[in-house]
Amino acid sequence: MNKIKIRWVQCFITFIAIGLFMVGIINQEYEAVYNKAVNICLECIGIG
């Protein structure tokens, strides 16, 4: 692939990632991710 196609694919993937990131923020998915992370950490420590 030439450099122009590679650059276009990189930009396309970046915009898709940003779009999905924004959808997750709008749907407040960060709360679920945070709660799961806390539970995993507490289980590793032995508290949860």
PDB file of N, CA and C in Angstrom:
ATOM      1  N   MET A   1       0.853  -1.192   0.000  1.00  0.00           N
ATOM      2  CA  MET A   1       0.000   0.000   0.000  1.00  0.00           C
ATOM      3  C   MET A   1       0.886   1.239   0.000  1.00  0.00           C
ATOM      4  N   ASN A   2       0.410   2.243  -0.670  1.00  0.00           N
ATOM      5  CA  ASN A   2       1.210   3.454  -0.671  1.00  0.00           C
ATOM      6  C   ASN A   2       0.914   4.279   0.577  1.00  0.00           C
ATOM      7  N   LYS A   3       1.711   5.300   0.807  1.00  0.00           N
ATOM      8  CA  LYS A   3       1.631   6.081   2.043  1.00  0.00           C
ATOM      9  C   LYS A   3       0.315   6.837   2.180  1.00  0.00           C
ATOM     10  N   ILE A   4      -0.280   7.243   1.074  1.00  0.00           N
ATOM     11  CA  ILE A   4      -1.541   7.981   1.134  1.00  0.00           C
ATOM     12  C   ILE A   4      -2.660   7.073   1.642  1.00  0.00           C
ATOM     13  N   LYS A   5      -2.705   5.833   1.154  1.00  0.00           N
ATOM     14  CA  LYS A   5      -3.734   4.894   1.606  1.00  0.00           C
ATOM     15  C   LYS A   5      -3.550   4.554   3.075  1.00  0.00           C
ATOM     16  N   ILE A   6      -2.311   4.332   3.476  1.00  0.00           N
ATOM     17  CA  ILE A   6      -2.034   4.008   4.870  1.00  0.00           C
ATOM     18  C   ILE A   6      -2.452   5.170   5.769  1.00  0.00           C
ATOM     19  N   ARG A   7      -2.154   6.387   5.373  1.00  0.00           N
ATOM     20  CA  ARG A   7      -2.523   7.572   6.150  1.00  0.00           C
ATOM     21  C   ARG A   7      -4.037   7.702   6.249  1.00  0.00           C
ATOM     22  N   TRP A   8      -4.740   7.421   5.138  1.00  0.00           N
ATOM     23  CA  TRP A   8      -6.197   7.514   5.131  1.00  0.00           C
ATOM     24  C   TRP A   8      -6.801   6.482   6.082  1.00  0.00           C
ATOM     25  N   VAL A   9      -6.273   5.266   6.068  1.00  0.00           N
ATOM     26  CA  VAL A   9      -6.766   4.207   6.950  1.00  0.00           C
ATOM     27  C   VAL A   9      -6.510   4.575   8.404  1.00  0.00           C
ATOM     28  N   GLN A  10      -5.360   5.143   8.703  1.00  0.00           N
ATOM     29  CA  GLN A  10      -5.059   5.564  10.068  1.00  0.00           C
ATOM     30  C   GLN A  10      -6.034   6.643  10.543  1.00  0.00           C
ATOM     31  N   CYS A  11      -6.319   7.601   9.690  1.00  0.00           N
ATOM     32  CA  CYS A  11      -7.267   8.664  10.049  1.00  0.00           C
ATOM     33  C   CYS A  11      -8.668   8.100  10.233  1.00  0.00           C
ATOM     34  N   PHE A  12      -9.075   7.191   9.368  1.00  0.00           N
ATOM     35  CA  PHE A  12     -10.392   6.583   9.463  1.00  0.00           C
ATOM     36  C   PHE A  12     -10.548   5.827  10.782  1.00  0.00           C
ATOM     37  N   ILE A  13      -9.563   5.020  11.138  1.00  0.00           N
ATOM     38  CA  ILE A  13      -9.612   4.250  12.383  1.00  0.00           C
ATOM     39  C   ILE A  13      -9.621   5.191  13.588  1.00  0.00           C
ATOM     40  N   THR A  14      -8.856   6.269  13.527  1.00  0.00           N
ATOM     41  CA  THR A  14      -8.833   7.239  14.620  1.00  0.00           C
ATOM     42  C   THR A  14     -10.201   7.889  14.805  1.00  0.00           C
ATOM     43  N   PHE A  15     -10.842   8.291  13.716  1.00  0.00           N
ATOM     44  CA  PHE A  15     -12.161   8.918  13.822  1.00  0.00           C
ATOM     45  C   PHE A  15     -13.211   7.934  14.331  1.00  0.00           C
ATOM     46  N   ILE A  16     -13.131   6.682  13.916  1.00  0.00           N
ATOM     47  CA  ILE A  16     -14.055   5.667  14.412  1.00  0.00           C
ATOM     48  C   ILE A  16     -13.851   5.471  15.914  1.00  0.00           C
ATOM     49  N   ALA A  17     -12.604   5.411  16.348  1.00  0.00           N
ATOM     50  CA  ALA A  17     -12.312   5.230  17.775  1.00  0.00           C
ATOM     51  C   ALA A  17     -12.830   6.406  18.589  1.00  0.00           C
ATOM     52  N   ILE A  18     -12.617   7.621  18.105  1.00  0.00           N
ATOM     53  CA  ILE A  18     -13.107   8.801  18.809  1.00  0.00           C
ATOM     54  C   ILE A  18     -14.629   8.788  18.873  1.00  0.00           C
ATOM     55  N   GLY A  19     -15.273   8.392  17.786  1.00  0.00           N
ATOM     56  CA  GLY A  19     -16.730   8.312  17.767  1.00  0.00           C
ATOM     57  C   GLY A  19     -17.261   7.305  18.775  1.00  0.00           C
ATOM     58  N   LEU A  20     -16.658   6.125  18.829  1.00  0.00           N
ATOM     59  CA  LEU A  20     -17.091   5.113  19.784  1.00  0.00           C
ATOM     60  C   LEU A  20     -16.814   5.555  21.219  1.00  0.00           C
ATOM     61  N   PHE A  21     -15.723   6.256  21.431  1.00  0.00           N
ATOM     62  CA  PHE A  21     -15.396   6.795  22.739  1.00  0.00           C
ATOM     63  C   PHE A  21     -16.470   7.781  23.192  1.00  0.00           C
ATOM     64  N   MET A  22     -16.905   8.642  22.276  1.00  0.00           N
ATOM     65  CA  MET A  22     -17.946   9.623  22.595  1.00  0.00           C
ATOM     66  C   MET A  22     -19.284   8.939  22.879  1.00  0.00           C
ATOM     67  N   VAL A  23     -19.612   7.897  22.124  1.00  0.00           N
ATOM     68  CA  VAL A  23     -20.850   7.153  22.373  1.00  0.00           C
ATOM     69  C   VAL A  23     -20.815   6.540  23.771  1.00  0.00           C
ATOM     70  N   GLY A  24     -19.687   6.000  24.162  1.00  0.00           N
ATOM     71  CA  GLY A  24     -19.546   5.433  25.504  1.00  0.00           C
ATOM     72  C   GLY A  24     -19.726   6.477  26.585  1.00  0.00           C
ATOM     73  N   ILE A  25     -19.190   7.668  26.374  1.00  0.00           N
ATOM     74  CA  ILE A  25     -19.354   8.746  27.353  1.00  0.00           C
ATOM     75  C   ILE A  25     -20.812   9.180  27.424  1.00  0.00           C
ATOM     76  N   ILE A  26     -21.458   9.325  26.290  1.00  0.00           N
ATOM     77  CA  ILE A  26     -22.858   9.748  26.255  1.00  0.00           C
ATOM     78  C   ILE A  26     -23.746   8.728  26.960  1.00  0.00           C
ATOM     79  N   ASN A  27     -23.462   7.436  26.794  1.00  0.00           N
ATOM     80  CA  ASN A  27     -24.257   6.379  27.421  1.00  0.00           C
ATOM     81  C   ASN A  27     -23.835   6.100  28.859  1.00  0.00           C
ATOM     82  N   GLN A  28     -22.891   6.863  29.376  1.00  0.00           N
ATOM     83  CA  GLN A  28     -22.372   6.746  30.744  1.00  0.00           C
ATOM     84  C   GLN A  28     -21.829   5.347  31.029  1.00  0.00           C
ATOM     85  N   GLU A  29     -21.151   4.788  30.060  1.00  0.00           N
ATOM     86  CA  GLU A  29     -20.541   3.471  30.230  1.00  0.00           C
ATOM     87  C   GLU A  29     -19.322   3.530  31.154  1.00  0.00           C
ATOM     88  N   TYR A  30     -18.775   4.715  31.340  1.00  0.00           N
ATOM     89  CA  TYR A  30     -17.598   4.844  32.198  1.00  0.00           C
ATOM     90  C   TYR A  30     -17.916   4.434  33.635  1.00  0.00           C
ATOM     91  N   GLU A  31     -19.162   4.577  34.062  1.00  0.00           N
ATOM     92  CA  GLU A  31     -19.544   4.165  35.412  1.00  0.00           C
ATOM     93  C   GLU A  31     -19.429   2.653  35.568  1.00  0.00           C
ATOM     94  N   ALA A  32     -19.869   1.911  34.583  1.00  0.00           N
ATOM     95  CA  ALA A  32     -19.783   0.450  34.632  1.00  0.00           C
ATOM     96  C   ALA A  32     -18.313   0.004  34.616  1.00  0.00           C
ATOM     97  N   VAL A  33     -17.514   0.638  33.779  1.00  0.00           N
ATOM     98  CA  VAL A  33     -16.095   0.279  33.700  1.00  0.00           C
ATOM     99  C   VAL A  33     -15.396   0.582  35.026  1.00  0.00           C
ATOM    100  N   TYR A  34     -15.706   1.720  35.619  1.00  0.00           N
ATOM    101  CA  TYR A  34     -15.107   2.103  36.901  1.00  0.00           C
ATOM    102  C   TYR A  34     -15.507   1.111  37.997  1.00  0.00           C
ATOM    103  N   ASN A  35     -16.788   0.759  38.057  1.00  0.00           N
ATOM    104  CA  ASN A  35     -17.254  -0.178  39.081  1.00  0.00           C
ATOM    105  C   ASN A  35     -16.594  -1.545  38.928  1.00  0.00           C
ATOM    106  N   LYS A  36     -16.445  -2.022  37.702  1.00  0.00           N
ATOM    107  CA  LYS A  36     -15.783  -3.306  37.481  1.00  0.00           C
ATOM    108  C   LYS A  36     -14.318  -3.243  37.895  1.00  0.00           C
ATOM    109  N   ALA A  37     -13.657  -2.134  37.590  1.00  0.00           N
ATOM    110  CA  ALA A  37     -12.246  -1.982  37.958  1.00  0.00           C
ATOM    111  C   ALA A  37     -12.080  -1.974  39.476  1.00  0.00           C
ATOM    112  N   VAL A  38     -12.971  -1.288  40.167  1.00  0.00           N
ATOM    113  CA  VAL A  38     -12.903  -1.252  41.633  1.00  0.00           C
ATOM    114  C   VAL A  38     -13.113  -2.648  42.197  1.00  0.00           C
ATOM    115  N   ASN A  39     -14.098  -3.370  41.679  1.00  0.00           N
ATOM    116  CA  ASN A  39     -14.368  -4.724  42.185  1.00  0.00           C
ATOM    117  C   ASN A  39     -13.189  -5.653  41.956  1.00  0.00           C
ATOM    118  N   ILE A  40     -12.572  -5.567  40.792  1.00  0.00           N
ATOM    119  CA  ILE A  40     -11.413  -6.416  40.509  1.00  0.00           C
ATOM    120  C   ILE A  40     -10.265  -6.083  41.459  1.00  0.00           C
ATOM    121  N   CYS A  41     -10.020  -4.814  41.696  1.00  0.00           N
ATOM    122  CA  CYS A  41      -8.933  -4.410  42.595  1.00  0.00           C
ATOM    123  C   CYS A  41      -9.203  -4.884  44.017  1.00  0.00           C
ATOM    124  N   LEU A  42     -10.439  -4.747  44.460  1.00  0.00           N
ATOM    125  CA  LEU A  42     -10.766  -5.176  45.823  1.00  0.00           C
ATOM    126  C   LEU A  42     -10.663  -6.688  45.960  1.00  0.00           C
ATOM    127  N   GLU A  43     -11.008  -7.443  44.914  1.00  0.00           N
ATOM    128  CA  GLU A  43     -10.865  -8.878  44.964  1.00  0.00           C
ATOM    129  C   GLU A  43      -9.402  -9.296  45.021  1.00  0.00           C
ATOM    130  N   CYS A  44      -8.547  -8.582  44.303  1.00  0.00           N
ATOM    131  CA  CYS A  44      -7.117  -8.916  44.311  1.00  0.00           C
ATOM    132  C   CYS A  44      -6.517  -8.662  45.688  1.00  0.00           C
ATOM    133  N   ILE A  45      -6.960  -7.595  46.332  1.00  0.00           N
ATOM    134  CA  ILE A  45      -6.451  -7.273  47.666  1.00  0.00           C
ATOM    135  C   ILE A  45      -7.006  -8.262  48.693  1.00  0.00           C
ATOM    136  N   GLY A  46      -8.207  -8.763  48.443  1.00  0.00           N
ATOM    137  CA  GLY A  46      -8.823  -9.716  49.357  1.00  0.00           C
ATOM    138  C   GLY A  46      -9.913  -9.090  50.213  1.00  0.00           C
ATOM    139  N   ILE A  47     -10.313  -7.879  49.887  1.00  0.00           N
ATOM    140  CA  ILE A  47     -11.345  -7.193  50.671  1.00  0.00           C
ATOM    141  C   ILE A  47     -12.738  -7.531  50.142  1.00  0.00           C
ATOM    142  N   GLY A  48     -12.891  -7.592  48.814  1.00  0.00           N
ATOM    143  CA  GLY A  48     -14.215  -7.717  48.216  1.00  0.00           C
ATOM    144  C   GLY A  48     -14.699  -9.095  48.039  1.00  0.00           C
TER     145      GLY A  48
END
